[in-house]
Amino acid sequence: MNFNKLNTQMKSVKIGLATVALALATMGAQAQTKEQHSDPNVRAGEKALLDGDFKTAASQFEKALPKAGSEPEVVYLLGYSQFQNGDYKKAVANFTKVISLDPKNVSAYYYKAKANNNMAVNKDLKLSNQERQALLTSAVADYTKAIAVNANDAKLYQNRAIAYRDLGILTGTKGAANYNKAAATEAYNKAVTDYEKVLTYDASRKDIQTEVKKAKVYRDNLK
């Protein structure tokens, strides 16, 4: 497995309306019942999100920031729109702001971590191995913070496992500037632990069973 393949797989993911609805739902239960936002830019952004038009959504939410910049729900939706547009740096900045406003926002930690992980494995970005390692380490930390808030969400363990696996690949590549067999071994072991945690929620998941086997093979074949 390599980062180019991971990046190709990442780009092939299609976002449907169900995912958008989930994003809106994660704003919190209060967002489900409150009246429409008073800012027309926010309302236009929400409509664009539901239409799957993430560029328009991001533009509308950005226009709303002068007035709504202290509202974590609005900043979250801006970050989510930017995430879907592939504007990961901007998304990370806004999810960081959401977390400062709402430290228990699991979804903000989740998407911030995914954005950093996506940048770390994107070979089109001119990043050093040290920069990629820092992004993956940050992703692991954010998933861990999210798990501290909600310890019963399988996708948090699954995605942290992916971040650990990617750390293993990065630090376990012989000849790389940051090659570290011990660190790579530890990362793969932690990936296995998290994948196995996912299996406690659904032991029938063949995809996760396969990932456990792969991580062990990668670990055992470190040079």
C-alpha atoms as a PDB file:
ATOM      1  CA  MET A   1       0.000   0.000   0.000  1.00  0.00           C
ATOM      2  CA  ASN A   2       1.254   3.536  -0.704  1.00  0.00           C
ATOM      3  CA  PHE A   3       0.094   7.109  -0.270  1.00  0.00           C
ATOM      4  CA  ASN A   4      -0.622   7.575  -3.992  1.00  0.00           C
ATOM      5  CA  LYS A   5      -3.097   4.723  -3.853  1.00  0.00           C
ATOM      6  CA  LEU A   6      -4.613   6.081  -0.662  1.00  0.00           C
ATOM      7  CA  ASN A   7      -4.977   9.489  -2.281  1.00  0.00           C
ATOM      8  CA  THR A   8      -6.679   7.990  -5.338  1.00  0.00           C
ATOM      9  CA  GLN A   9      -9.101   6.112  -3.134  1.00  0.00           C
ATOM     10  CA  MET A  10      -9.781   9.287  -1.176  1.00  0.00           C
ATOM     11  CA  LYS A  11     -10.615  11.229  -4.334  1.00  0.00           C
ATOM     12  CA  SER A  12     -12.972   8.497  -5.536  1.00  0.00           C
ATOM     13  CA  VAL A  13     -15.307   8.882  -2.559  1.00  0.00           C
ATOM     14  CA  LYS A  14     -18.637  10.412  -3.527  1.00  0.00           C
ATOM     15  CA  ILE A  15     -20.572  12.490  -1.032  1.00  0.00           C
ATOM     16  CA  GLY A  16     -24.332  11.981  -1.064  1.00  0.00           C
ATOM     17  CA  LEU A  17     -27.229  13.842   0.436  1.00  0.00           C
ATOM     18  CA  ALA A  18     -27.247  11.452   3.375  1.00  0.00           C
ATOM     19  CA  THR A  19     -23.786  12.677   4.361  1.00  0.00           C
ATOM     20  CA  VAL A  20     -24.907  16.293   4.101  1.00  0.00           C
ATOM     21  CA  ALA A  21     -27.895  15.542   6.282  1.00  0.00           C
ATOM     22  CA  LEU A  22     -25.535  13.970   8.814  1.00  0.00           C
ATOM     23  CA  ALA A  23     -23.441  17.127   8.817  1.00  0.00           C
ATOM     24  CA  LEU A  24     -26.480  19.214   9.579  1.00  0.00           C
ATOM     25  CA  ALA A  25     -27.530  16.771  12.271  1.00  0.00           C
ATOM     26  CA  THR A  26     -24.198  16.984  14.051  1.00  0.00           C
ATOM     27  CA  MET A  27     -24.762  20.651  14.817  1.00  0.00           C
ATOM     28  CA  GLY A  28     -26.670  19.437  17.843  1.00  0.00           C
ATOM     29  CA  ALA A  29     -30.208  18.626  18.837  1.00  0.00           C
ATOM     30  CA  GLN A  30     -31.016  22.276  19.342  1.00  0.00           C
ATOM     31  CA  ALA A  31     -30.246  22.975  15.691  1.00  0.00           C
ATOM     32  CA  GLN A  32     -32.931  20.526  14.685  1.00  0.00           C
ATOM     33  CA  THR A  33     -35.729  22.428  16.355  1.00  0.00           C
ATOM     34  CA  LYS A  34     -34.696  26.078  16.266  1.00  0.00           C
ATOM     35  CA  GLU A  35     -36.206  28.551  13.857  1.00  0.00           C
ATOM     36  CA  GLN A  36     -34.460  29.481  10.624  1.00  0.00           C
ATOM     37  CA  HIS A  37     -31.320  31.514  11.074  1.00  0.00           C
ATOM     38  CA  SER A  38     -31.833  35.263  10.865  1.00  0.00           C
ATOM     39  CA  ASP A  39     -28.873  35.701   8.510  1.00  0.00           C
ATOM     40  CA  PRO A  40     -29.889  35.103   4.872  1.00  0.00           C
ATOM     41  CA  ASN A  41     -26.331  34.017   4.065  1.00  0.00           C
ATOM     42  CA  VAL A  42     -26.569  31.208   6.594  1.00  0.00           C
ATOM     43  CA  ARG A  43     -29.914  30.117   5.171  1.00  0.00           C
ATOM     44  CA  ALA A  44     -28.494  30.188   1.640  1.00  0.00           C
ATOM     45  CA  GLY A  45     -25.492  28.176   2.813  1.00  0.00           C
ATOM     46  CA  GLU A  46     -27.678  25.533   4.402  1.00  0.00           C
ATOM     47  CA  LYS A  47     -29.732  25.242   1.217  1.00  0.00           C
ATOM     48  CA  ALA A  48     -26.575  24.905  -0.885  1.00  0.00           C
ATOM     49  CA  LEU A  49     -25.336  22.175   1.441  1.00  0.00           C
ATOM     50  CA  LEU A  50     -28.520  20.197   1.025  1.00  0.00           C
ATOM     51  CA  ASP A  51     -28.209  20.660  -2.738  1.00  0.00           C
ATOM     52  CA  GLY A  52     -24.672  19.269  -2.593  1.00  0.00           C
ATOM     53  CA  ASP A  53     -23.213  22.581  -3.823  1.00  0.00           C
ATOM     54  CA  PHE A  54     -20.319  22.862  -1.389  1.00  0.00           C
ATOM     55  CA  LYS A  55     -18.564  25.769  -3.121  1.00  0.00           C
ATOM     56  CA  THR A  56     -21.640  27.943  -2.919  1.00  0.00           C
ATOM     57  CA  ALA A  57     -22.224  26.797   0.645  1.00  0.00           C
ATOM     58  CA  ALA A  58     -18.693  27.793   1.675  1.00  0.00           C
ATOM     59  CA  SER A  59     -19.063  31.166  -0.012  1.00  0.00           C
ATOM     60  CA  GLN A  60     -22.355  31.877   1.744  1.00  0.00           C
ATOM     61  CA  PHE A  61     -21.111  30.830   5.178  1.00  0.00           C
ATOM     62  CA  GLU A  62     -18.001  32.991   4.717  1.00  0.00           C
ATOM     63  CA  LYS A  63     -20.258  35.971   4.038  1.00  0.00           C
ATOM     64  CA  ALA A  64     -22.083  35.224   7.289  1.00  0.00           C
ATOM     65  CA  LEU A  65     -18.935  35.194   9.453  1.00  0.00           C
ATOM     66  CA  PRO A  66     -18.827  38.900  10.323  1.00  0.00           C
ATOM     67  CA  LYS A  67     -22.090  38.453  12.208  1.00  0.00           C
ATOM     68  CA  ALA A  68     -22.152  34.711  12.939  1.00  0.00           C
ATOM     69  CA  GLY A  69     -18.469  34.038  13.541  1.00  0.00           C
ATOM     70  CA  SER A  70     -19.046  33.291  17.220  1.00  0.00           C
ATOM     71  CA  GLU A  71     -21.696  30.654  16.467  1.00  0.00           C
ATOM     72  CA  PRO A  72     -20.055  27.204  16.429  1.00  0.00           C
ATOM     73  CA  GLU A  73     -22.837  25.746  14.267  1.00  0.00           C
ATOM     74  CA  VAL A  74     -22.182  28.229  11.457  1.00  0.00           C
ATOM     75  CA  VAL A  75     -18.399  27.958  11.649  1.00  0.00           C
ATOM     76  CA  TYR A  76     -18.758  24.161  11.660  1.00  0.00           C
ATOM     77  CA  LEU A  77     -20.814  24.192   8.469  1.00  0.00           C
ATOM     78  CA  LEU A  78     -18.258  26.474   6.823  1.00  0.00           C
ATOM     79  CA  GLY A  79     -15.489  24.050   7.773  1.00  0.00           C
ATOM     80  CA  TYR A  80     -17.552  21.092   6.577  1.00  0.00           C
ATOM     81  CA  SER A  81     -18.197  22.776   3.212  1.00  0.00           C
ATOM     82  CA  GLN A  82     -14.499  23.552   2.837  1.00  0.00           C
ATOM     83  CA  PHE A  83     -13.650  19.959   3.750  1.00  0.00           C
ATOM     84  CA  GLN A  84     -15.894  18.663   0.984  1.00  0.00           C
ATOM     85  CA  ASN A  85     -14.276  21.114  -1.442  1.00  0.00           C
ATOM     86  CA  GLY A  86     -10.841  19.777  -0.550  1.00  0.00           C
ATOM     87  CA  ASP A  87      -9.828  23.078   1.091  1.00  0.00           C
ATOM     88  CA  TYR A  88      -8.375  21.179   3.999  1.00  0.00           C
ATOM     89  CA  LYS A  89      -6.196  23.922   5.478  1.00  0.00           C
ATOM     90  CA  LYS A  90      -9.131  26.300   5.688  1.00  0.00           C
ATOM     91  CA  ALA A  91     -11.329  23.524   7.043  1.00  0.00           C
ATOM     92  CA  VAL A  92      -8.804  22.724   9.781  1.00  0.00           C
ATOM     93  CA  ALA A  93      -8.655  26.387  10.782  1.00  0.00           C
ATOM     94  CA  ASN A  94     -12.434  26.595  11.089  1.00  0.00           C
ATOM     95  CA  PHE A  95     -12.830  23.281  12.908  1.00  0.00           C
ATOM     96  CA  THR A  96     -10.151  24.510  15.319  1.00  0.00           C
ATOM     97  CA  LYS A  97     -12.283  27.599  15.924  1.00  0.00           C
ATOM     98  CA  VAL A  98     -15.371  25.434  16.470  1.00  0.00           C
ATOM     99  CA  ILE A  99     -13.480  23.456  19.091  1.00  0.00           C
ATOM    100  CA  SER A 100     -12.440  26.677  20.842  1.00  0.00           C
ATOM    101  CA  LEU A 101     -16.109  27.680  20.985  1.00  0.00           C
ATOM    102  CA  ASP A 102     -17.435  24.185  21.744  1.00  0.00           C
ATOM    103  CA  PRO A 103     -14.707  21.912  23.224  1.00  0.00           C
ATOM    104  CA  LYS A 104     -16.975  18.863  23.190  1.00  0.00           C
ATOM    105  CA  ASN A 105     -17.899  19.041  19.505  1.00  0.00           C
ATOM    106  CA  VAL A 106     -16.976  15.499  18.452  1.00  0.00           C
ATOM    107  CA  SER A 107     -17.748  16.140  14.804  1.00  0.00           C
ATOM    108  CA  ALA A 108     -15.327  19.086  14.657  1.00  0.00           C
ATOM    109  CA  TYR A 109     -12.531  16.916  16.076  1.00  0.00           C
ATOM    110  CA  TYR A 110     -13.451  14.174  13.605  1.00  0.00           C
ATOM    111  CA  TYR A 111     -13.376  16.317  10.477  1.00  0.00           C
ATOM    112  CA  LYS A 112     -10.312  18.259  11.602  1.00  0.00           C
ATOM    113  CA  ALA A 113      -8.509  14.944  12.018  1.00  0.00           C
ATOM    114  CA  LYS A 114      -9.700  13.644   8.644  1.00  0.00           C
ATOM    115  CA  ALA A 115      -8.614  16.847   6.922  1.00  0.00           C
ATOM    116  CA  ASN A 116      -5.127  16.580   8.408  1.00  0.00           C
ATOM    117  CA  ASN A 117      -4.940  12.887   7.502  1.00  0.00           C
ATOM    118  CA  ASN A 118      -6.004  13.636   3.934  1.00  0.00           C
ATOM    119  CA  MET A 119      -3.277  16.263   3.590  1.00  0.00           C
ATOM    120  CA  ALA A 120      -0.698  13.927   5.102  1.00  0.00           C
ATOM    121  CA  VAL A 121      -1.245  11.230   2.471  1.00  0.00           C
ATOM    122  CA  ASN A 122      -1.634  13.586  -0.498  1.00  0.00           C
ATOM    123  CA  LYS A 123       1.563  13.306  -2.545  1.00  0.00           C
ATOM    124  CA  ASP A 124       0.499  16.297  -4.659  1.00  0.00           C
ATOM    125  CA  LEU A 125       1.213  18.502  -1.650  1.00  0.00           C
ATOM    126  CA  LYS A 126       4.856  19.486  -1.355  1.00  0.00           C
ATOM    127  CA  LEU A 127       5.300  18.471   2.256  1.00  0.00           C
ATOM    128  CA  SER A 128       8.299  17.008   4.017  1.00  0.00           C
ATOM    129  CA  ASN A 129       7.993  13.666   5.773  1.00  0.00           C
ATOM    130  CA  GLN A 130       8.282  15.529   9.067  1.00  0.00           C
ATOM    131  CA  GLU A 131       5.317  17.723   8.109  1.00  0.00           C
ATOM    132  CA  ARG A 132       3.299  14.672   7.095  1.00  0.00           C
ATOM    133  CA  GLN A 133       4.164  12.971  10.362  1.00  0.00           C
ATOM    134  CA  ALA A 134       3.062  16.059  12.303  1.00  0.00           C
ATOM    135  CA  LEU A 135      -0.286  16.070  10.475  1.00  0.00           C
ATOM    136  CA  LEU A 136      -0.863  12.387  11.241  1.00  0.00           C
ATOM    137  CA  THR A 137       0.138  12.853  14.869  1.00  0.00           C
ATOM    138  CA  SER A 138      -2.355  15.721  15.099  1.00  0.00           C
ATOM    139  CA  ALA A 139      -5.046  13.530  13.547  1.00  0.00           C
ATOM    140  CA  VAL A 140      -4.440  10.803  16.124  1.00  0.00           C
ATOM    141  CA  ALA A 141      -4.619  13.374  18.919  1.00  0.00           C
ATOM    142  CA  ASP A 142      -7.924  14.785  17.670  1.00  0.00           C
ATOM    143  CA  TYR A 143      -9.521  11.361  17.288  1.00  0.00           C
ATOM    144  CA  THR A 144      -8.372  10.600  20.836  1.00  0.00           C
ATOM    145  CA  LYS A 145      -9.984  13.809  22.112  1.00  0.00           C
ATOM    146  CA  ALA A 146     -13.205  12.905  20.287  1.00  0.00           C
ATOM    147  CA  ILE A 147     -13.158   9.435  21.850  1.00  0.00           C
ATOM    148  CA  ALA A 148     -12.754  11.035  25.280  1.00  0.00           C
ATOM    149  CA  VAL A 149     -16.067  12.821  24.648  1.00  0.00           C
ATOM    150  CA  ASN A 150     -17.825   9.892  22.987  1.00  0.00           C
ATOM    151  CA  ALA A 151     -16.217   6.527  23.640  1.00  0.00           C
ATOM    152  CA  ASN A 152     -18.921   4.550  21.841  1.00  0.00           C
ATOM    153  CA  ASP A 153     -18.515   5.728  18.248  1.00  0.00           C
ATOM    154  CA  ALA A 154     -16.949   2.997  16.134  1.00  0.00           C
ATOM    155  CA  LYS A 155     -15.969   5.345  13.316  1.00  0.00           C
ATOM    156  CA  LEU A 156     -13.666   7.280  15.655  1.00  0.00           C
ATOM    157  CA  TYR A 157     -11.675   4.131  16.401  1.00  0.00           C
ATOM    158  CA  GLN A 158     -11.702   3.123  12.748  1.00  0.00           C
ATOM    159  CA  ASN A 159     -10.374   6.462  11.558  1.00  0.00           C
ATOM    160  CA  ARG A 160      -7.782   6.640  14.320  1.00  0.00           C
ATOM    161  CA  ALA A 161      -6.651   3.199  13.193  1.00  0.00           C
ATOM    162  CA  ILE A 162      -6.222   4.577   9.670  1.00  0.00           C
ATOM    163  CA  ALA A 163      -4.125   7.461  11.014  1.00  0.00           C
ATOM    164  CA  TYR A 164      -1.969   5.026  12.990  1.00  0.00           C
ATOM    165  CA  ARG A 165      -1.605   2.815   9.924  1.00  0.00           C
ATOM    166  CA  ASP A 166      -0.537   5.796   7.824  1.00  0.00           C
ATOM    167  CA  LEU A 167       1.990   6.721  10.508  1.00  0.00           C
ATOM    168  CA  GLY A 168       3.302   3.182  10.308  1.00  0.00           C
ATOM    169  CA  ILE A 169       3.659   3.440   6.538  1.00  0.00           C
ATOM    170  CA  LEU A 170       5.371   6.818   6.773  1.00  0.00           C
ATOM    171  CA  THR A 171       7.838   5.992   9.531  1.00  0.00           C
ATOM    172  CA  GLY A 172       8.369   2.414   8.436  1.00  0.00           C
ATOM    173  CA  THR A 173       9.599   3.175   4.911  1.00  0.00           C
ATOM    174  CA  LYS A 174      13.243   2.141   4.758  1.00  0.00           C
ATOM    175  CA  GLY A 175      15.479   4.961   3.597  1.00  0.00           C
ATOM    176  CA  ALA A 176      13.006   7.725   4.442  1.00  0.00           C
ATOM    177  CA  ALA A 177      14.359  10.701   6.370  1.00  0.00           C
ATOM    178  CA  ASN A 178      12.132   9.915   9.336  1.00  0.00           C
ATOM    179  CA  TYR A 179      12.468   6.126   9.205  1.00  0.00           C
ATOM    180  CA  ASN A 180      11.942   4.666  12.671  1.00  0.00           C
ATOM    181  CA  LYS A 181      11.200   0.966  12.916  1.00  0.00           C
ATOM    182  CA  ALA A 182      10.242   1.130  16.592  1.00  0.00           C
ATOM    183  CA  ALA A 183       7.797   3.999  15.975  1.00  0.00           C
ATOM    184  CA  ALA A 184       6.335   2.234  12.959  1.00  0.00           C
ATOM    185  CA  THR A 185       5.880  -0.989  14.932  1.00  0.00           C
ATOM    186  CA  GLU A 186       4.101   0.911  17.699  1.00  0.00           C
ATOM    187  CA  ALA A 187       1.859   2.679  15.185  1.00  0.00           C
ATOM    188  CA  TYR A 188       0.846  -0.606  13.533  1.00  0.00           C
ATOM    189  CA  ASN A 189       0.173  -2.184  16.934  1.00  0.00           C
ATOM    190  CA  LYS A 190      -2.100   0.711  17.873  1.00  0.00           C
ATOM    191  CA  ALA A 191      -3.846   0.451  14.509  1.00  0.00           C
ATOM    192  CA  VAL A 192      -4.545  -3.217  15.173  1.00  0.00           C
ATOM    193  CA  THR A 193      -5.907  -2.383  18.638  1.00  0.00           C
ATOM    194  CA  ASP A 194      -8.289   0.210  17.202  1.00  0.00           C
ATOM    195  CA  TYR A 195      -9.423  -2.013  14.343  1.00  0.00           C
ATOM    196  CA  GLU A 196     -10.120  -4.783  16.840  1.00  0.00           C
ATOM    197  CA  LYS A 197     -12.125  -2.295  18.908  1.00  0.00           C
ATOM    198  CA  VAL A 198     -14.267  -1.635  15.823  1.00  0.00           C
ATOM    199  CA  LEU A 199     -14.891  -5.375  15.565  1.00  0.00           C
ATOM    200  CA  THR A 200     -16.353  -5.377  19.081  1.00  0.00           C
ATOM    201  CA  TYR A 201     -19.189  -3.275  17.624  1.00  0.00           C
ATOM    202  CA  ASP A 202     -19.664  -5.497  14.570  1.00  0.00           C
ATOM    203  CA  ALA A 203     -17.600  -8.672  14.416  1.00  0.00           C
ATOM    204  CA  SER A 204     -18.909  -9.499  10.927  1.00  0.00           C
ATOM    205  CA  ARG A 205     -17.129  -6.599   9.193  1.00  0.00           C
ATOM    206  CA  LYS A 206     -14.902  -8.277   6.631  1.00  0.00           C
ATOM    207  CA  ASP A 207     -13.286  -4.972   5.655  1.00  0.00           C
ATOM    208  CA  ILE A 208     -12.010  -4.414   9.175  1.00  0.00           C
ATOM    209  CA  GLN A 209     -10.896  -8.022   9.526  1.00  0.00           C
ATOM    210  CA  THR A 210      -8.863  -7.513   6.361  1.00  0.00           C
ATOM    211  CA  GLU A 211      -7.337  -4.286   7.699  1.00  0.00           C
ATOM    212  CA  VAL A 212      -6.244  -6.071  10.871  1.00  0.00           C
ATOM    213  CA  LYS A 213      -4.453  -8.691   8.795  1.00  0.00           C
ATOM    214  CA  LYS A 214      -2.833  -6.042   6.586  1.00  0.00           C
ATOM    215  CA  ALA A 215      -1.574  -4.017   9.530  1.00  0.00           C
ATOM    216  CA  LYS A 216      -0.020  -7.114  11.060  1.00  0.00           C
ATOM    217  CA  VAL A 217       1.646  -8.024   7.757  1.00  0.00           C
ATOM    218  CA  TYR A 218       3.036  -4.500   7.346  1.00  0.00           C
ATOM    219  CA  ARG A 219       4.332  -4.591  10.937  1.00  0.00           C
ATOM    220  CA  ASP A 220       5.884  -8.014  10.621  1.00  0.00           C
ATOM    221  CA  ASN A 221       7.615  -7.100   7.354  1.00  0.00           C
ATOM    222  CA  LEU A 222       9.310  -3.953   8.614  1.00  0.00           C
ATOM    223  CA  LYS A 223      12.997  -3.973   7.648  1.00  0.00           C
END
